[in-house]
N, C-alpha and C. Protein backbone atom coordinates (compact mmCIF):
# COMPACT_ATOMS: atom_id res chain seq x y z
N MET A 1 -7.19 -13.40 4.92
CA MET A 1 -7.07 -12.76 4.37
C MET A 1 -9.07 -12.28 4.31
N ALA A 2 -8.89 -10.34 4.09
CA ALA A 2 -10.37 -9.96 4.06
C ALA A 2 -10.67 -9.94 2.45
N ASN A 3 -12.10 -10.21 2.28
CA ASN A 3 -12.39 -10.23 0.90
C ASN A 3 -12.09 -8.61 0.82
N ARG A 4 -12.50 -8.59 -0.67
CA ARG A 4 -12.19 -6.99 -1.50
C ARG A 4 -13.46 -6.42 -1.03
N GLU A 5 -14.80 -6.97 -0.66
CA GLU A 5 -16.26 -5.95 -0.34
C GLU A 5 -15.56 -5.41 0.88
N ASN A 6 -14.57 -4.93 2.08
CA ASN A 6 -14.72 -5.17 2.78
C ASN A 6 -13.60 -2.89 2.67
N TRP A 7 -13.35 -3.74 2.09
CA TRP A 7 -12.05 -2.36 1.04
C TRP A 7 -12.76 -1.21 0.04
N LEU A 8 -13.76 -1.84 -0.33
CA LEU A 8 -14.44 -1.11 -1.10
C LEU A 8 -15.17 0.75 -0.49
N PRO A 9 -15.35 1.73 -1.05
CA PRO A 9 -15.85 2.74 -0.92
C PRO A 9 -16.83 2.39 0.42
N ARG A 10 -17.65 2.83 0.93
CA ARG A 10 -18.70 2.71 1.80
C ARG A 10 -19.28 3.73 2.05
N ILE A 11 -20.99 4.46 1.34
CA ILE A 11 -21.25 5.23 1.12
C ILE A 11 -22.61 5.80 1.90
N ASN A 12 -22.36 6.34 3.12
CA ASN A 12 -23.47 6.43 4.43
C ASN A 12 -25.14 7.03 3.28
N GLN A 13 -25.82 6.40 3.69
CA GLN A 13 -27.24 6.74 2.62
C GLN A 13 -27.45 7.70 3.62
N ASP A 14 -27.94 7.81 4.72
CA ASP A 14 -28.29 8.67 5.95
C ASP A 14 -27.66 10.06 5.89
N LEU A 15 -25.82 10.25 5.20
CA LEU A 15 -25.43 11.26 5.28
C LEU A 15 -25.56 11.71 3.72
N CYS A 16 -25.72 10.47 2.72
CA CYS A 16 -25.71 10.98 1.30
C CYS A 16 -26.64 12.14 1.27
N ASN A 17 -26.60 13.77 0.59
CA ASN A 17 -27.29 14.77 -0.33
C ASN A 17 -28.04 14.56 -0.92
N GLY A 18 -27.41 13.34 -2.02
CA GLY A 18 -28.13 13.24 -3.42
C GLY A 18 -27.66 14.44 -4.26
N CYS A 19 -26.26 14.98 -4.18
CA CYS A 19 -25.47 16.07 -4.78
C CYS A 19 -24.65 15.89 -6.13
N GLY A 20 -24.57 14.49 -6.12
CA GLY A 20 -23.78 14.20 -7.62
C GLY A 20 -22.46 14.35 -7.46
N ASP A 21 -21.96 14.82 -5.88
CA ASP A 21 -20.57 15.24 -6.76
C ASP A 21 -18.97 14.40 -7.36
N CYS A 22 -20.17 13.28 -6.06
CA CYS A 22 -19.00 12.02 -6.31
C CYS A 22 -19.10 11.13 -7.46
N ILE A 23 -20.13 11.17 -8.51
CA ILE A 23 -20.85 10.31 -9.02
C ILE A 23 -20.04 10.86 -10.65
N LEU A 24 -20.15 12.53 -10.18
CA LEU A 24 -19.40 12.98 -11.85
C LEU A 24 -18.39 12.75 -11.71
N HIS A 25 -17.57 13.06 -10.82
CA HIS A 25 -15.87 12.61 -10.56
C HIS A 25 -14.84 11.21 -10.49
N CYS A 26 -16.24 10.77 -10.72
CA CYS A 26 -14.93 9.10 -10.32
C CYS A 26 -15.40 9.23 -11.79
N PRO A 27 -13.23 8.92 -11.76
CA PRO A 27 -13.09 8.66 -13.30
C PRO A 27 -13.32 7.38 -13.44
N THR A 28 -13.74 6.22 -13.23
CA THR A 28 -13.94 5.48 -13.40
C THR A 28 -15.45 4.62 -14.02
N GLY A 29 -16.37 5.67 -13.40
CA GLY A 29 -17.86 5.78 -13.35
C GLY A 29 -18.35 4.15 -12.52
N ALA A 30 -17.55 3.81 -11.01
CA ALA A 30 -17.79 3.09 -10.26
C ALA A 30 -19.14 3.50 -9.92
N LEU A 31 -19.01 4.77 -9.62
CA LEU A 31 -20.81 5.39 -8.72
C LEU A 31 -21.86 5.54 -9.77
N GLY A 32 -23.50 5.49 -9.75
CA GLY A 32 -23.99 5.60 -9.68
C GLY A 32 -25.09 6.29 -9.42
N TRP A 33 -26.49 6.42 -10.10
CA TRP A 33 -27.69 6.79 -8.41
C TRP A 33 -27.68 5.63 -8.20
N GLN A 34 -28.92 5.94 -7.54
CA GLN A 34 -29.74 4.57 -6.91
C GLN A 34 -30.89 5.23 -5.66
N ASP A 35 -32.01 5.27 -6.03
CA ASP A 35 -33.00 5.79 -4.69
C ASP A 35 -32.23 7.57 -4.59
N GLY A 36 -32.33 7.98 -5.81
CA GLY A 36 -32.01 9.52 -6.05
C GLY A 36 -30.85 10.14 -5.22
N LYS A 37 -30.22 9.13 -4.85
CA LYS A 37 -28.38 8.90 -3.35
C LYS A 37 -27.06 7.80 -4.50
N ALA A 38 -26.28 8.47 -3.78
CA ALA A 38 -25.53 8.23 -4.61
C ALA A 38 -24.59 6.21 -3.65
N ALA A 39 -23.97 5.68 -5.48
CA ALA A 39 -24.20 4.67 -4.88
C ALA A 39 -22.88 3.61 -5.64
N LEU A 40 -22.28 2.42 -4.99
CA LEU A 40 -21.35 1.75 -5.83
C LEU A 40 -22.34 0.82 -6.25
N LEU A 41 -22.62 1.34 -7.93
CA LEU A 41 -22.86 0.05 -8.93
C LEU A 41 -22.11 -0.87 -9.15
N PHE A 42 -21.26 -0.15 -9.34
CA PHE A 42 -20.10 -0.96 -10.53
C PHE A 42 -18.13 -1.38 -9.29
N PRO A 43 -18.60 -2.10 -8.53
CA PRO A 43 -17.54 -1.85 -7.51
C PRO A 43 -16.25 -2.65 -7.93
N GLU A 44 -16.44 -3.26 -9.46
CA GLU A 44 -15.15 -4.14 -9.99
C GLU A 44 -14.46 -3.00 -11.04
N ARG A 45 -15.32 -1.45 -10.96
CA ARG A 45 -14.92 -0.47 -11.73
C ARG A 45 -14.15 -0.10 -10.73
N CYS A 46 -14.19 0.41 -9.35
CA CYS A 46 -13.22 1.03 -8.12
C CYS A 46 -12.04 0.96 -8.27
N GLU A 47 -11.17 1.93 -8.72
CA GLU A 47 -9.65 1.98 -8.39
C GLU A 47 -8.54 2.24 -7.07
N TYR A 48 -10.19 2.92 -6.16
CA TYR A 48 -9.63 3.24 -4.90
C TYR A 48 -8.58 4.50 -5.05
N CYS A 49 -9.38 5.45 -5.46
CA CYS A 49 -8.63 6.68 -6.48
C CYS A 49 -8.75 7.23 -5.14
N SER A 50 -9.92 7.80 -4.37
CA SER A 50 -10.24 8.55 -2.87
C SER A 50 -10.85 10.18 -3.69
N ILE A 51 -10.82 9.93 -4.84
CA ILE A 51 -11.73 11.19 -5.38
C ILE A 51 -13.30 11.44 -4.25
N CYS A 52 -13.66 10.46 -4.40
CA CYS A 52 -15.24 10.33 -3.91
C CYS A 52 -14.72 10.70 -2.80
N GLU A 53 -14.23 10.13 -2.10
CA GLU A 53 -14.39 10.35 -0.38
C GLU A 53 -13.82 12.25 0.16
N ASP A 54 -13.23 12.91 -1.09
CA ASP A 54 -12.08 13.98 -1.28
C ASP A 54 -13.34 14.76 -1.61
N ILE A 55 -14.09 14.50 -2.49
CA ILE A 55 -15.90 15.66 -2.87
C ILE A 55 -16.57 16.19 -2.31
N CYS A 56 -16.96 14.36 -1.62
CA CYS A 56 -18.44 14.81 -0.75
C CYS A 56 -18.44 15.69 0.40
N PRO A 57 -19.04 16.57 -0.15
CA PRO A 57 -19.93 17.60 0.89
C PRO A 57 -19.97 17.69 2.46
N VAL A 58 -20.29 16.13 2.41
CA VAL A 58 -21.38 16.21 3.28
C VAL A 58 -20.61 14.76 4.18
N ASN A 59 -18.95 14.54 3.89
CA ASN A 59 -18.39 13.35 4.43
C ASN A 59 -19.27 11.76 4.41
N ALA A 60 -20.20 12.00 3.82
CA ALA A 60 -20.70 10.42 3.85
C ALA A 60 -19.74 9.47 3.13
N ILE A 61 -19.03 9.55 2.27
CA ILE A 61 -18.00 8.49 1.79
C ILE A 61 -16.94 8.21 2.94
N GLU A 62 -16.72 6.90 2.47
CA GLU A 62 -15.48 6.39 3.48
C GLU A 62 -14.97 5.20 2.81
N LEU A 63 -13.77 5.32 2.76
CA LEU A 63 -12.56 4.70 1.76
C LEU A 63 -12.03 4.01 3.12
N PRO A 64 -12.15 2.20 4.16
CA PRO A 64 -11.94 2.35 4.89
C PRO A 64 -10.19 1.55 4.67
N PHE A 65 -9.42 1.46 3.50
CA PHE A 65 -7.84 1.13 3.30
C PHE A 65 -7.34 2.42 3.53
N LEU A 66 -8.06 4.01 3.78
CA LEU A 66 -7.36 4.62 4.09
C LEU A 66 -6.94 5.30 5.24
N ILE A 67 -6.36 4.81 6.24
CA ILE A 67 -6.15 4.21 7.67
C ILE A 67 -4.81 4.70 7.42
N LEU A 68 -4.15 5.65 8.17
CA LEU A 68 -2.58 6.46 8.34
C LEU A 68 -1.81 5.70 9.69
N LYS A 69 -1.13 5.20 9.42
CA LYS A 69 -0.66 4.76 10.89
C LYS A 69 0.46 5.76 11.77
N LYS A 70 0.73 6.13 12.83
CA LYS A 70 1.62 7.32 12.96
C LYS A 70 2.96 6.64 13.15
N PRO A 71 3.88 7.35 12.21
CA PRO A 71 5.00 6.98 12.25
C PRO A 71 5.55 6.64 13.63
N ALA A 72 6.70 6.10 13.96
CA ALA A 72 7.56 5.66 14.93
C ALA A 72 8.34 6.64 15.42
N GLN A 73 8.82 6.91 17.15
CA GLN A 73 9.52 7.71 17.37
C GLN A 73 10.59 7.72 17.53
N LYS A 74 11.49 8.35 16.99
CA LYS A 74 12.79 7.98 17.91
C LYS A 74 13.33 7.34 18.48
N GLY A 75 13.84 6.44 19.31
CA GLY A 75 15.14 5.76 20.06
C GLY A 75 13.79 4.75 20.58
N ARG A 76 12.99 4.28 19.88
CA ARG A 76 11.72 3.09 20.24
C ARG A 76 12.38 1.99 19.08
């Protein structure tokens, strides 16, 4: 089984523009500032709510656990 770090939000520092929207809206305070950009400073607080991913205007945040499977087709 993969460890918990593999499932935490990933913030692409090359894409992050430092707007701070994700930090402002994170309900648990898991995100914070690091070198003028958003970072997951308190991973133990993350509840995988996906607000940070949804609100990021430059799509710099990815939650790897939110992969949807295509439903099986009937008759198969």
